[in-house]
C-alpha atoms as a PDB file:
ATOM      1  CA  UNK A   1     218.707 -52.267  58.155  1.00  0.00           C
ATOM      2  CA  UNK A   2     215.590 -50.217  58.908  1.00  0.00           C
ATOM      3  CA  UNK A   3     213.448 -50.420  62.051  1.00  0.00           C
ATOM      4  CA  UNK A   4     210.094 -52.211  61.665  1.00  0.00           C
ATOM      5  CA  UNK A   5     207.092 -49.986  60.957  1.00  0.00           C
ATOM      6  CA  UNK A   6     205.110 -50.142  64.221  1.00  0.00           C
ATOM      7  CA  UNK A   7     203.198 -46.879  64.794  1.00  0.00           C
ATOM      8  CA  UNK A   8     202.122 -47.828  68.331  1.00  0.00           C
ATOM      9  CA  UNK A   9     205.793 -47.959  69.382  1.00  0.00           C
ATOM     10  CA  UNK A  10     206.324 -44.349  68.274  1.00  0.00           C
ATOM     11  CA  UNK A  11     203.247 -43.215  70.187  1.00  0.00           C
ATOM     12  CA  UNK A  12     204.455 -44.986  73.319  1.00  0.00           C
ATOM     13  CA  UNK A  13     207.928 -43.438  72.974  1.00  0.00           C
ATOM     14  CA  UNK A  14     206.473 -39.942  72.688  1.00  0.00           C
ATOM     15  CA  UNK A  15     204.321 -40.481  75.781  1.00  0.00           C
ATOM     16  CA  UNK A  16     207.268 -41.802  77.816  1.00  0.00           C
ATOM     17  CA  UNK A  17     209.531 -38.894  76.770  1.00  0.00           C
ATOM     18  CA  UNK A  18     206.840 -36.372  77.678  1.00  0.00           C
ATOM     19  CA  UNK A  19     206.418 -38.005  81.087  1.00  0.00           C
ATOM     20  CA  UNK A  20     210.174 -37.931  81.707  1.00  0.00           C
ATOM     21  CA  UNK A  21     210.345 -34.245  80.810  1.00  0.00           C
ATOM     22  CA  UNK A  22     207.410 -33.527  83.127  1.00  0.00           C
ATOM     23  CA  UNK A  23     209.393 -34.982  86.056  1.00  0.00           C
ATOM     24  CA  UNK A  24     212.422 -32.769  85.387  1.00  0.00           C
ATOM     25  CA  UNK A  25     212.637 -29.695  87.619  1.00  0.00           C
ATOM     26  CA  UNK A  26     211.727 -26.460  85.889  1.00  0.00           C
ATOM     27  CA  UNK A  27     214.853 -24.271  85.751  1.00  0.00           C
ATOM     28  CA  UNK A  28     214.047 -20.658  84.930  1.00  0.00           C
ATOM     29  CA  UNK A  29     216.635 -18.982  82.706  1.00  0.00           C
ATOM     30  CA  UNK A  30     218.796 -16.132  83.908  1.00  0.00           C
ATOM     31  CA  UNK A  31     217.445 -12.735  82.845  1.00  0.00           C
ATOM     32  CA  UNK A  32     218.509 -11.491  79.431  1.00  0.00           C
ATOM     33  CA  UNK A  33     221.865  -9.741  79.452  1.00  0.00           C
ATOM     34  CA  UNK A  34     223.461 -11.870  82.194  1.00  0.00           C
ATOM     35  CA  UNK A  35     226.054 -13.821  80.228  1.00  0.00           C
ATOM     36  CA  UNK A  36     226.729 -16.207  78.810  1.00  0.00           C
ATOM     37  CA  UNK A  37     230.435 -15.596  79.317  1.00  0.00           C
ATOM     38  CA  UNK A  38     231.492 -18.692  77.429  1.00  0.00           C
ATOM     39  CA  UNK A  39     235.313 -19.065  77.398  1.00  0.00           C
ATOM     40  CA  UNK A  40     235.322 -21.468  74.433  1.00  0.00           C
ATOM     41  CA  UNK A  41     234.968 -18.983  71.526  1.00  0.00           C
ATOM     42  CA  UNK A  42     237.661 -16.753  73.032  1.00  0.00           C
ATOM     43  CA  UNK A  43     239.860 -19.828  73.435  1.00  0.00           C
ATOM     44  CA  UNK A  44     239.595 -20.635  69.731  1.00  0.00           C
ATOM     45  CA  UNK A  45     240.924 -17.201  68.826  1.00  0.00           C
ATOM     46  CA  UNK A  46     243.701 -17.594  71.399  1.00  0.00           C
ATOM     47  CA  UNK A  47     244.684 -20.890  69.808  1.00  0.00           C
ATOM     48  CA  UNK A  48     244.865 -19.225  66.393  1.00  0.00           C
ATOM     49  CA  UNK A  49     247.072 -16.439  67.739  1.00  0.00           C
ATOM     50  CA  UNK A  50     249.410 -18.594  69.879  1.00  0.00           C
ATOM     51  CA  UNK A  51     251.918 -20.591  67.827  1.00  0.00           C
ATOM     52  CA  UNK A  52     254.302 -21.679  70.605  1.00  0.00           C
ATOM     53  CA  UNK A  53     254.011 -23.552  73.884  1.00  0.00           C
ATOM     54  CA  UNK A  54     254.627 -20.310  75.722  1.00  0.00           C
ATOM     55  CA  UNK A  55     251.825 -18.579  77.632  1.00  0.00           C
ATOM     56  CA  UNK A  56     250.649 -17.528  81.094  1.00  0.00           C
ATOM     57  CA  UNK A  57     247.402 -17.983  82.993  1.00  0.00           C
ATOM     58  CA  UNK A  58     246.126 -16.590  86.299  1.00  0.00           C
ATOM     59  CA  UNK A  59     244.383 -18.385  89.173  1.00  0.00           C
ATOM     60  CA  UNK A  60     242.105 -16.613  91.653  1.00  0.00           C
ATOM     61  CA  UNK A  61     238.947 -17.224  93.636  1.00  0.00           C
ATOM     62  CA  UNK A  62     236.607 -16.489  96.544  1.00  0.00           C
ATOM     63  CA  UNK A  63     235.541 -13.002  95.591  1.00  0.00           C
ATOM     64  CA  UNK A  64     231.882 -12.860  96.724  1.00  0.00           C
ATOM     65  CA  UNK A  65     231.208  -9.374  95.363  1.00  0.00           C
ATOM     66  CA  UNK A  66     233.814  -7.618  97.478  1.00  0.00           C
ATOM     67  CA  UNK A  67     234.658  -4.064  96.471  1.00  0.00           C
ATOM     68  CA  UNK A  68     238.332  -5.016  96.237  1.00  0.00           C
ATOM     69  CA  UNK A  69     237.530  -7.655  93.604  1.00  0.00           C
ATOM     70  CA  UNK A  70     235.964  -5.215  91.178  1.00  0.00           C
ATOM     71  CA  UNK A  71     238.099  -2.268  92.296  1.00  0.00           C
ATOM     72  CA  UNK A  72     241.543  -3.891  92.544  1.00  0.00           C
ATOM     73  CA  UNK A  73     241.696  -7.542  91.457  1.00  0.00           C
ATOM     74  CA  UNK A  74     239.963  -7.249  88.077  1.00  0.00           C
ATOM     75  CA  UNK A  75     241.960  -4.139  87.034  1.00  0.00           C
ATOM     76  CA  UNK A  76     245.171  -5.862  88.164  1.00  0.00           C
ATOM     77  CA  UNK A  77     244.367  -8.854  85.955  1.00  0.00           C
ATOM     78  CA  UNK A  78     243.366  -6.701  82.984  1.00  0.00           C
ATOM     79  CA  UNK A  79     246.058  -4.024  83.121  1.00  0.00           C
ATOM     80  CA  UNK A  80     249.078  -5.588  84.840  1.00  0.00           C
ATOM     81  CA  UNK A  81     249.053  -9.394  84.635  1.00  0.00           C
ATOM     82  CA  UNK A  82     247.357  -9.682  81.209  1.00  0.00           C
ATOM     83  CA  UNK A  83     247.208 -13.503  81.224  1.00  0.00           C
ATOM     84  CA  UNK A  84     246.083 -15.520  78.238  1.00  0.00           C
ATOM     85  CA  UNK A  85     243.202 -16.820  80.364  1.00  0.00           C
ATOM     86  CA  UNK A  86     242.001 -17.091  83.964  1.00  0.00           C
ATOM     87  CA  UNK A  87     241.097 -20.097  86.117  1.00  0.00           C
ATOM     88  CA  UNK A  88     238.733 -19.352  88.991  1.00  0.00           C
ATOM     89  CA  UNK A  89     238.601 -21.579  92.070  1.00  0.00           C
ATOM     90  CA  UNK A  90     234.954 -21.005  92.979  1.00  0.00           C
ATOM     91  CA  UNK A  91     232.741 -18.823  95.184  1.00  0.00           C
ATOM     92  CA  UNK A  92     232.703 -16.003  92.681  1.00  0.00           C
ATOM     93  CA  UNK A  93     229.128 -15.291  93.810  1.00  0.00           C
ATOM     94  CA  UNK A  94     227.614 -15.137  97.289  1.00  0.00           C
ATOM     95  CA  UNK A  95     224.505 -17.253  96.644  1.00  0.00           C
ATOM     96  CA  UNK A  96     224.251 -18.683  93.137  1.00  0.00           C
ATOM     97  CA  UNK A  97     221.133 -20.811  93.631  1.00  0.00           C
ATOM     98  CA  UNK A  98     217.639 -20.298  94.981  1.00  0.00           C
ATOM     99  CA  UNK A  99     215.319 -17.427  94.173  1.00  0.00           C
ATOM    100  CA  UNK A 100     218.028 -14.780  94.670  1.00  0.00           C
ATOM    101  CA  UNK A 101     220.576 -16.494  92.400  1.00  0.00           C
ATOM    102  CA  UNK A 102     220.000 -14.245  89.342  1.00  0.00           C
ATOM    103  CA  UNK A 103     220.728 -11.152  91.448  1.00  0.00           C
ATOM    104  CA  UNK A 104     224.188 -12.433  92.364  1.00  0.00           C
ATOM    105  CA  UNK A 105     225.048 -13.634  88.858  1.00  0.00           C
ATOM    106  CA  UNK A 106     224.032 -10.181  87.631  1.00  0.00           C
ATOM    107  CA  UNK A 107     226.431  -8.604  90.128  1.00  0.00           C
ATOM    108  CA  UNK A 108     229.290 -10.808  88.935  1.00  0.00           C
ATOM    109  CA  UNK A 109     228.602  -9.850  85.318  1.00  0.00           C
ATOM    110  CA  UNK A 110     228.937  -6.178  86.264  1.00  0.00           C
ATOM    111  CA  UNK A 111     232.095  -6.756  88.336  1.00  0.00           C
ATOM    112  CA  UNK A 112     234.107  -8.831  85.870  1.00  0.00           C
ATOM    113  CA  UNK A 113     232.044  -9.111  82.702  1.00  0.00           C
ATOM    114  CA  UNK A 114     234.203  -6.760  80.645  1.00  0.00           C
ATOM    115  CA  UNK A 115     237.328  -8.826  81.218  1.00  0.00           C
ATOM    116  CA  UNK A 116     235.359 -12.061  80.742  1.00  0.00           C
ATOM    117  CA  UNK A 117     234.533 -10.731  77.272  1.00  0.00           C
ATOM    118  CA  UNK A 118     238.195  -9.894  76.615  1.00  0.00           C
ATOM    119  CA  UNK A 119     239.828 -13.139  77.744  1.00  0.00           C
ATOM    120  CA  UNK A 120     238.596 -16.647  78.701  1.00  0.00           C
ATOM    121  CA  UNK A 121     237.626 -17.122  82.359  1.00  0.00           C
ATOM    122  CA  UNK A 122     237.344 -20.846  83.121  1.00  0.00           C
ATOM    123  CA  UNK A 123     235.376 -21.539  86.333  1.00  0.00           C
ATOM    124  CA  UNK A 124     235.349 -24.236  88.990  1.00  0.00           C
ATOM    125  CA  UNK A 125     232.066 -24.595  90.847  1.00  0.00           C
ATOM    126  CA  UNK A 126     231.996 -23.950  94.600  1.00  0.00           C
ATOM    127  CA  UNK A 127     229.530 -24.296  97.446  1.00  0.00           C
ATOM    128  CA  UNK A 128     228.370 -20.694  97.082  1.00  0.00           C
ATOM    129  CA  UNK A 129     227.638 -21.223  93.391  1.00  0.00           C
ATOM    130  CA  UNK A 130     225.182 -23.991  94.313  1.00  0.00           C
ATOM    131  CA  UNK A 131     223.968 -22.468  97.603  1.00  0.00           C
ATOM    132  CA  UNK A 132     220.724 -20.516  97.807  1.00  0.00           C
ATOM    133  CA  UNK A 133     221.332 -18.587 100.991  1.00  0.00           C
ATOM    134  CA  UNK A 134     221.891 -19.266 104.688  1.00  0.00           C
ATOM    135  CA  UNK A 135     219.821 -21.960 106.408  1.00  0.00           C
ATOM    136  CA  UNK A 136     217.851 -20.113 109.082  1.00  0.00           C
ATOM    137  CA  UNK A 137     215.654 -22.938 110.338  1.00  0.00           C
ATOM    138  CA  UNK A 138     214.684 -26.553 109.711  1.00  0.00           C
ATOM    139  CA  UNK A 139     211.945 -25.585 107.255  1.00  0.00           C
ATOM    140  CA  UNK A 140     214.568 -24.069 104.960  1.00  0.00           C
ATOM    141  CA  UNK A 141     216.301 -27.437 104.615  1.00  0.00           C
ATOM    142  CA  UNK A 142     213.537 -28.518 102.222  1.00  0.00           C
ATOM    143  CA  UNK A 143     214.838 -25.936  99.769  1.00  0.00           C
ATOM    144  CA  UNK A 144     218.426 -27.278  99.688  1.00  0.00           C
ATOM    145  CA  UNK A 145     217.962 -29.715  96.738  1.00  0.00           C
ATOM    146  CA  UNK A 146     216.127 -27.006  94.787  1.00  0.00           C
ATOM    147  CA  UNK A 147     218.898 -24.504  95.494  1.00  0.00           C
ATOM    148  CA  UNK A 148     221.558 -26.950  94.294  1.00  0.00           C
ATOM    149  CA  UNK A 149     219.657 -27.682  91.057  1.00  0.00           C
ATOM    150  CA  UNK A 150     219.224 -23.986  90.389  1.00  0.00           C
ATOM    151  CA  UNK A 151     222.789 -23.130  91.349  1.00  0.00           C
ATOM    152  CA  UNK A 152     224.273 -25.674  88.960  1.00  0.00           C
ATOM    153  CA  UNK A 153     221.884 -24.643  86.210  1.00  0.00           C
ATOM    154  CA  UNK A 154     222.645 -20.947  86.640  1.00  0.00           C
ATOM    155  CA  UNK A 155     226.392 -21.693  86.752  1.00  0.00           C
ATOM    156  CA  UNK A 156     226.184 -23.468  83.395  1.00  0.00           C
ATOM    157  CA  UNK A 157     223.961 -20.750  81.903  1.00  0.00           C
ATOM    158  CA  UNK A 158     226.222 -17.932  83.069  1.00  0.00           C
ATOM    159  CA  UNK A 159     229.367 -19.503  81.596  1.00  0.00           C
ATOM    160  CA  UNK A 160     227.694 -21.167  78.610  1.00  0.00           C
ATOM    161  CA  UNK A 161     228.969 -24.601  79.649  1.00  0.00           C
ATOM    162  CA  UNK A 162     227.327 -28.001  79.251  1.00  0.00           C
ATOM    163  CA  UNK A 163     228.600 -29.330  82.579  1.00  0.00           C
ATOM    164  CA  UNK A 164     229.818 -27.988  85.917  1.00  0.00           C
ATOM    165  CA  UNK A 165     232.931 -30.193  85.627  1.00  0.00           C
ATOM    166  CA  UNK A 166     234.915 -30.521  82.419  1.00  0.00           C
ATOM    167  CA  UNK A 167     238.358 -30.389  80.813  1.00  0.00           C
ATOM    168  CA  UNK A 168     240.024 -28.382  78.072  1.00  0.00           C
ATOM    169  CA  UNK A 169     243.436 -28.197  76.428  1.00  0.00           C
ATOM    170  CA  UNK A 170     245.633 -25.373  75.257  1.00  0.00           C
ATOM    171  CA  UNK A 171     248.901 -25.911  73.392  1.00  0.00           C
ATOM    172  CA  UNK A 172     250.918 -28.479  75.393  1.00  0.00           C
ATOM    173  CA  UNK A 173     248.773 -28.282  78.550  1.00  0.00           C
ATOM    174  CA  UNK A 174     245.523 -29.807  79.804  1.00  0.00           C
ATOM    175  CA  UNK A 175     243.197 -28.390  82.444  1.00  0.00           C
ATOM    176  CA  UNK A 176     240.614 -30.311  84.465  1.00  0.00           C
ATOM    177  CA  UNK A 177     237.864 -28.520  86.424  1.00  0.00           C
ATOM    178  CA  UNK A 178     236.614 -30.795  89.196  1.00  0.00           C
ATOM    179  CA  UNK A 179     233.095 -30.969  90.649  1.00  0.00           C
ATOM    180  CA  UNK A 180     232.107 -29.681  94.079  1.00  0.00           C
ATOM    181  CA  UNK A 181     233.132 -31.052  96.566  1.00  0.00           C
ATOM    182  CA  UNK A 182     235.442 -33.769  95.227  1.00  0.00           C
ATOM    183  CA  UNK A 183     235.231 -36.446  92.528  1.00  0.00           C
ATOM    184  CA  UNK A 184     233.813 -39.650  94.011  1.00  0.00           C
ATOM    185  CA  UNK A 185     233.007 -43.218  93.086  1.00  0.00           C
ATOM    186  CA  UNK A 186     229.243 -43.074  93.667  1.00  0.00           C
ATOM    187  CA  UNK A 187     228.394 -40.600  90.910  1.00  0.00           C
ATOM    188  CA  UNK A 188     231.122 -41.734  88.508  1.00  0.00           C
ATOM    189  CA  UNK A 189     233.129 -38.499  88.641  1.00  0.00           C
ATOM    190  CA  UNK A 190     236.209 -40.251  90.015  1.00  0.00           C
ATOM    191  CA  UNK A 191     236.228 -42.664  87.084  1.00  0.00           C
ATOM    192  CA  UNK A 192     235.726 -39.695  84.752  1.00  0.00           C
ATOM    193  CA  UNK A 193     238.718 -37.918  86.317  1.00  0.00           C
ATOM    194  CA  UNK A 194     240.952 -40.954  85.936  1.00  0.00           C
ATOM    195  CA  UNK A 195     239.920 -41.291  82.296  1.00  0.00           C
ATOM    196  CA  UNK A 196     240.851 -37.661  81.622  1.00  0.00           C
ATOM    197  CA  UNK A 197     244.173 -37.994  83.457  1.00  0.00           C
ATOM    198  CA  UNK A 198     245.039 -41.179  81.601  1.00  0.00           C
ATOM    199  CA  UNK A 199     244.216 -39.600  78.232  1.00  0.00           C
ATOM    200  CA  UNK A 200     246.220 -36.424  78.860  1.00  0.00           C
ATOM    201  CA  UNK A 201     249.230 -38.309  80.214  1.00  0.00           C
ATOM    202  CA  UNK A 202     249.265 -40.485  77.087  1.00  0.00           C
ATOM    203  CA  UNK A 203     249.216 -37.288  74.997  1.00  0.00           C
ATOM    204  CA  UNK A 204     252.219 -35.919  76.899  1.00  0.00           C
ATOM    205  CA  UNK A 205     250.332 -32.867  78.222  1.00  0.00           C
ATOM    206  CA  UNK A 206     251.283 -30.801  81.239  1.00  0.00           C
ATOM    207  CA  UNK A 207     248.295 -31.490  83.508  1.00  0.00           C
ATOM    208  CA  UNK A 208     246.719 -28.917  85.832  1.00  0.00           C
ATOM    209  CA  UNK A 209     243.608 -29.509  87.944  1.00  0.00           C
ATOM    210  CA  UNK A 210     241.477 -26.865  89.615  1.00  0.00           C
ATOM    211  CA  UNK A 211     238.514 -26.985  91.970  1.00  0.00           C
ATOM    212  CA  UNK A 212     237.019 -25.234  94.986  1.00  0.00           C
ATOM    213  CA  UNK A 213     237.671 -27.394  98.039  1.00  0.00           C
ATOM    214  CA  UNK A 214     241.402 -27.901  98.765  1.00  0.00           C
ATOM    215  CA  UNK A 215     242.964 -31.217  99.696  1.00  0.00           C
ATOM    216  CA  UNK A 216     245.380 -29.763 102.258  1.00  0.00           C
ATOM    217  CA  UNK A 217     245.052 -26.602 104.338  1.00  0.00           C
ATOM    218  CA  UNK A 218     246.443 -24.497 107.182  1.00  0.00           C
ATOM    219  CA  UNK A 219     243.242 -22.457 107.416  1.00  0.00           C
ATOM    220  CA  UNK A 220     239.950 -22.716 109.283  1.00  0.00           C
ATOM    221  CA  UNK A 221     238.143 -25.532 107.497  1.00  0.00           C
ATOM    222  CA  UNK A 222     237.768 -28.695 109.567  1.00  0.00           C
ATOM    223  CA  UNK A 223     239.201 -32.120 108.630  1.00  0.00           C
ATOM    224  CA  UNK A 224     235.625 -33.165 107.783  1.00  0.00           C
ATOM    225  CA  UNK A 225     235.709 -30.541 105.037  1.00  0.00           C
ATOM    226  CA  UNK A 226     239.393 -30.564 104.021  1.00  0.00           C
ATOM    227  CA  UNK A 227     240.985 -33.947 104.875  1.00  0.00           C
ATOM    228  CA  UNK A 228     244.623 -32.814 104.975  1.00  0.00           C
ATOM    229  CA  UNK A 229     245.803 -36.315 104.120  1.00  0.00           C
ATOM    230  CA  UNK A 230     246.100 -38.547 101.051  1.00  0.00           C
ATOM    231  CA  UNK A 231     242.845 -39.692  99.447  1.00  0.00           C
ATOM    232  CA  UNK A 232     241.914 -41.792  96.428  1.00  0.00           C
ATOM    233  CA  UNK A 233     241.768 -38.595  94.381  1.00  0.00           C
ATOM    234  CA  UNK A 234     245.199 -37.292  95.443  1.00  0.00           C
ATOM    235  CA  UNK A 235     246.637 -40.709  94.604  1.00  0.00           C
ATOM    236  CA  UNK A 236     245.314 -40.252  91.056  1.00  0.00           C
ATOM    237  CA  UNK A 237     247.129 -36.898  90.859  1.00  0.00           C
ATOM    238  CA  UNK A 238     250.338 -38.659  91.865  1.00  0.00           C
ATOM    239  CA  UNK A 239     249.871 -41.636  89.531  1.00  0.00           C
ATOM    240  CA  UNK A 240     249.313 -39.496  86.441  1.00  0.00           C
ATOM    241  CA  UNK A 241     251.900 -36.807  87.165  1.00  0.00           C
ATOM    242  CA  UNK A 242     249.685 -33.744  87.711  1.00  0.00           C
ATOM    243  CA  UNK A 243     251.876 -30.612  87.814  1.00  0.00           C
ATOM    244  CA  UNK A 244     249.646 -28.594  90.149  1.00  0.00           C
ATOM    245  CA  UNK A 245     246.225 -28.574  91.801  1.00  0.00           C
ATOM    246  CA  UNK A 246     244.636 -25.159  92.423  1.00  0.00           C
ATOM    247  CA  UNK A 247     241.818 -24.679  94.939  1.00  0.00           C
ATOM    248  CA  UNK A 248     240.002 -22.028  96.991  1.00  0.00           C
ATOM    249  CA  UNK A 249     237.399 -22.265  99.795  1.00  0.00           C
ATOM    250  CA  UNK A 250     239.680 -21.753 102.836  1.00  0.00           C
ATOM    251  CA  UNK A 251     240.232 -18.035 102.385  1.00  0.00           C
ATOM    252  CA  UNK A 252     243.949 -17.388 102.283  1.00  0.00           C
ATOM    253  CA  UNK A 253     247.045 -18.651 100.509  1.00  0.00           C
ATOM    254  CA  UNK A 254     248.741 -22.010 100.941  1.00  0.00           C
ATOM    255  CA  UNK A 255     251.401 -23.701  98.843  1.00  0.00           C
ATOM    256  CA  UNK A 256     252.580 -27.186  99.696  1.00  0.00           C
ATOM    257  CA  UNK A 257     254.046 -30.174  97.859  1.00  0.00           C
ATOM    258  CA  UNK A 258     252.756 -33.601  98.850  1.00  0.00           C
ATOM    259  CA  UNK A 259     254.106 -36.778  97.274  1.00  0.00           C
ATOM    260  CA  UNK A 260     255.469 -34.840  94.322  1.00  0.00           C
ATOM    261  CA  UNK A 261     252.301 -32.844  93.534  1.00  0.00           C
ATOM    262  CA  UNK A 262     252.063 -29.098  94.197  1.00  0.00           C
ATOM    263  CA  UNK A 263     248.826 -27.907  95.827  1.00  0.00           C
ATOM    264  CA  UNK A 264     248.039 -24.197  95.902  1.00  0.00           C
ATOM    265  CA  UNK A 265     245.087 -22.543  97.600  1.00  0.00           C
ATOM    266  CA  UNK A 266     244.422 -19.262  95.822  1.00  0.00           C
ATOM    267  CA  UNK A 267     241.469 -17.842  97.765  1.00  0.00           C
ATOM    268  CA  UNK A 268     242.367 -14.186  98.058  1.00  0.00           C
ATOM    269  CA  UNK A 269     240.056 -12.562  95.528  1.00  0.00           C
ATOM    270  CA  UNK A 270     238.459 -10.252  98.072  1.00  0.00           C
ATOM    271  CA  UNK A 271     236.261 -12.255 100.454  1.00  0.00           C
ATOM    272  CA  UNK A 272     236.995 -12.076 104.187  1.00  0.00           C
ATOM    273  CA  UNK A 273     240.199 -13.944 105.065  1.00  0.00           C
ATOM    274  CA  UNK A 274     240.196 -16.874 107.509  1.00  0.00           C
ATOM    275  CA  UNK A 275     242.130 -17.770 110.636  1.00  0.00           C
ATOM    276  CA  UNK A 276     245.251 -19.963 110.351  1.00  0.00           C
ATOM    277  CA  UNK A 277     243.868 -22.632 112.674  1.00  0.00           C
ATOM    278  CA  UNK A 278     245.717 -25.607 111.137  1.00  0.00           C
ATOM    279  CA  UNK A 279     249.232 -24.137 110.933  1.00  0.00           C
ATOM    280  CA  UNK A 280     250.591 -27.201 112.733  1.00  0.00           C
ATOM    281  CA  UNK A 281     249.889 -29.243 109.582  1.00  0.00           C
ATOM    282  CA  UNK A 282     252.245 -27.153 107.447  1.00  0.00           C
ATOM    283  CA  UNK A 283     255.524 -28.634 106.286  1.00  0.00           C
ATOM    284  CA  UNK A 284     258.754 -26.778 106.982  1.00  0.00           C
ATOM    285  CA  UNK A 285     259.097 -25.427 103.420  1.00  0.00           C
ATOM    286  CA  UNK A 286     255.441 -24.403 102.908  1.00  0.00           C
ATOM    287  CA  UNK A 287     254.287 -20.865 102.155  1.00  0.00           C
ATOM    288  CA  UNK A 288     251.031 -19.456 103.520  1.00  0.00           C
ATOM    289  CA  UNK A 289     249.030 -16.346 104.380  1.00  0.00           C
ATOM    290  CA  UNK A 290     245.968 -15.793 106.565  1.00  0.00           C
ATOM    291  CA  UNK A 291     244.618 -14.342 109.794  1.00  0.00           C
ATOM    292  CA  UNK A 292     246.552 -14.660 113.050  1.00  0.00           C
ATOM    293  CA  UNK A 293     244.845 -13.499 116.250  1.00  0.00           C
ATOM    294  CA  UNK A 294     246.967 -12.607 119.306  1.00  0.00           C
ATOM    295  CA  UNK A 295     246.013 -13.468 122.886  1.00  0.00           C
ATOM    296  CA  UNK A 296     244.744  -9.936 123.384  1.00  0.00           C
ATOM    297  CA  UNK A 297     242.395 -10.379 120.431  1.00  0.00           C
ATOM    298  CA  UNK A 298     244.378  -8.202 118.031  1.00  0.00           C
ATOM    299  CA  UNK A 299     243.989  -9.468 114.467  1.00  0.00           C
ATOM    300  CA  UNK A 300     246.949  -9.483 112.090  1.00  0.00           C
ATOM    301  CA  UNK A 301     247.401 -10.843 108.609  1.00  0.00           C
ATOM    302  CA  UNK A 302     250.373 -13.203 108.664  1.00  0.00           C
ATOM    303  CA  UNK A 303     252.568 -14.244 105.730  1.00  0.00           C
ATOM    304  CA  UNK A 304     255.068 -17.083 106.221  1.00  0.00           C
ATOM    305  CA  UNK A 305     257.627 -18.383 103.713  1.00  0.00           C
ATOM    306  CA  UNK A 306     259.031 -21.603 105.129  1.00  0.00           C
ATOM    307  CA  UNK A 307     261.883 -22.039 102.666  1.00  0.00           C
ATOM    308  CA  UNK A 308     263.159 -18.510 103.239  1.00  0.00           C
ATOM    309  CA  UNK A 309     262.428 -18.626 106.994  1.00  0.00           C
ATOM    310  CA  UNK A 310     260.608 -15.318 106.506  1.00  0.00           C
ATOM    311  CA  UNK A 311     257.560 -13.880 108.263  1.00  0.00           C
ATOM    312  CA  UNK A 312     255.668 -10.652 107.726  1.00  0.00           C
ATOM    313  CA  UNK A 313     252.486  -9.198 109.182  1.00  0.00           C
ATOM    314  CA  UNK A 314     250.020  -6.760 107.648  1.00  0.00           C
ATOM    315  CA  UNK A 315     247.461  -4.556 109.342  1.00  0.00           C
ATOM    316  CA  UNK A 316     245.096  -4.841 106.384  1.00  0.00           C
ATOM    317  CA  UNK A 317     243.887  -7.840 104.356  1.00  0.00           C
ATOM    318  CA  UNK A 318     245.778  -8.495 101.135  1.00  0.00           C
ATOM    319  CA  UNK A 319     244.270  -9.633  97.835  1.00  0.00           C
ATOM    320  CA  UNK A 320     246.395 -11.880  95.670  1.00  0.00           C
ATOM    321  CA  UNK A 321     246.464 -14.333  92.793  1.00  0.00           C
ATOM    322  CA  UNK A 322     248.764 -16.907  91.230  1.00  0.00           C
ATOM    323  CA  UNK A 323     250.290 -16.516  87.767  1.00  0.00           C
ATOM    324  CA  UNK A 324     251.560 -19.644  86.042  1.00  0.00           C
ATOM    325  CA  UNK A 325     253.975 -19.314  83.134  1.00  0.00           C
ATOM    326  CA  UNK A 326     254.392 -22.206  80.718  1.00  0.00           C
ATOM    327  CA  UNK A 327     257.457 -22.335  78.485  1.00  0.00           C
ATOM    328  CA  UNK A 328     257.630 -25.659  76.698  1.00  0.00           C
ATOM    329  CA  UNK A 329     257.961 -28.460  79.266  1.00  0.00           C
ATOM    330  CA  UNK A 330     258.746 -25.958  82.031  1.00  0.00           C
ATOM    331  CA  UNK A 331     256.108 -24.333  84.231  1.00  0.00           C
ATOM    332  CA  UNK A 332     256.645 -21.830  87.045  1.00  0.00           C
ATOM    333  CA  UNK A 333     254.214 -20.246  89.499  1.00  0.00           C
ATOM    334  CA  UNK A 334     254.439 -16.753  90.937  1.00  0.00           C
ATOM    335  CA  UNK A 335     252.082 -15.584  93.688  1.00  0.00           C
ATOM    336  CA  UNK A 336     251.700 -11.841  94.011  1.00  0.00           C
ATOM    337  CA  UNK A 337     249.468  -9.320  95.706  1.00  0.00           C
ATOM    338  CA  UNK A 338     247.485  -6.769  93.742  1.00  0.00           C
ATOM    339  CA  UNK A 339     249.974  -4.214  95.094  1.00  0.00           C
ATOM    340  CA  UNK A 340     252.652  -6.054  93.089  1.00  0.00           C
ATOM    341  CA  UNK A 341     254.462  -7.721  96.000  1.00  0.00           C
ATOM    342  CA  UNK A 342     255.822 -11.195  95.126  1.00  0.00           C
ATOM    343  CA  UNK A 343     255.101 -13.693  97.894  1.00  0.00           C
ATOM    344  CA  UNK A 344     256.129 -16.920  96.267  1.00  0.00           C
ATOM    345  CA  UNK A 345     257.913 -18.194  93.173  1.00  0.00           C
ATOM    346  CA  UNK A 346     258.403 -21.871  92.473  1.00  0.00           C
ATOM    347  CA  UNK A 347     258.897 -24.282  89.586  1.00  0.00           C
ATOM    348  CA  UNK A 348     256.136 -26.802  89.020  1.00  0.00           C
ATOM    349  CA  UNK A 349     258.337 -29.830  88.619  1.00  0.00           C
ATOM    350  CA  UNK A 350     257.335 -33.187  87.218  1.00  0.00           C
END
């Protein structure tokens, strides 16, 4: 059945569409040559080359243009770990929005662009991706919505993605990148997450989620930022059998299992490490690494392995990442420093 021929309706539709477009914020494109580092085409080739449910991926985050990221972490990924692909847990740039955003995305392209061309890097969006710089006074607060719009737009342009939260599959596994800060009911992202989890569980996939803001921590972030207790979102992870949730944000390492779900904070890509202010919330078997300051003000970098009852201190900050190996229905996680020291090794059980 065809629509009735009413020319005035078409004119009205054109006018309304033009008005709607006029109200949309103007998002300038990133300068030519900055991306896009779209992981999807590389993933298609990887799927053609991989015939078994046997592969490895790396998880890292919170780099913020540190010299150790480009000088140590990226070479370690490219030359030693050689994962099939990389998941990043956010804050890969210092200020991704606002007028200075293109400068920082350009820096990231120079730091890691070569490896992003060689293997898929799948990103989670963090507060520094959407932030446009420090708030110096009340007048600057007017720029916050603009910074967020630009930050999200630049994030999608840089990675060639249609959305700043998404999912993808590879072999027998599914991966869900969550929005900043958490999925919620108001904007529909919580319902979206449950739909993805339900679909992937029905397909029998191993499910991994990754985002920026962790759900549990022993670091410096306050309970207003990181709740450290069950939420509606963590209950979804439990209901649908998520194997692991990877996050960043609270600079350091933390591995804990809560109600059958493993949570790992992999935020050691080079940015300044944070104080272990919430150590009291750790469970006896947890593993973590961060800053410990003595009464005399001396700063040490403390590593604790609860299961092994082991502690070690370092005089210098350590950069690290997680490597997850999938072999059929089995998945294991190894956490290691860029010097090759193994901190943690655990099976990601159902």
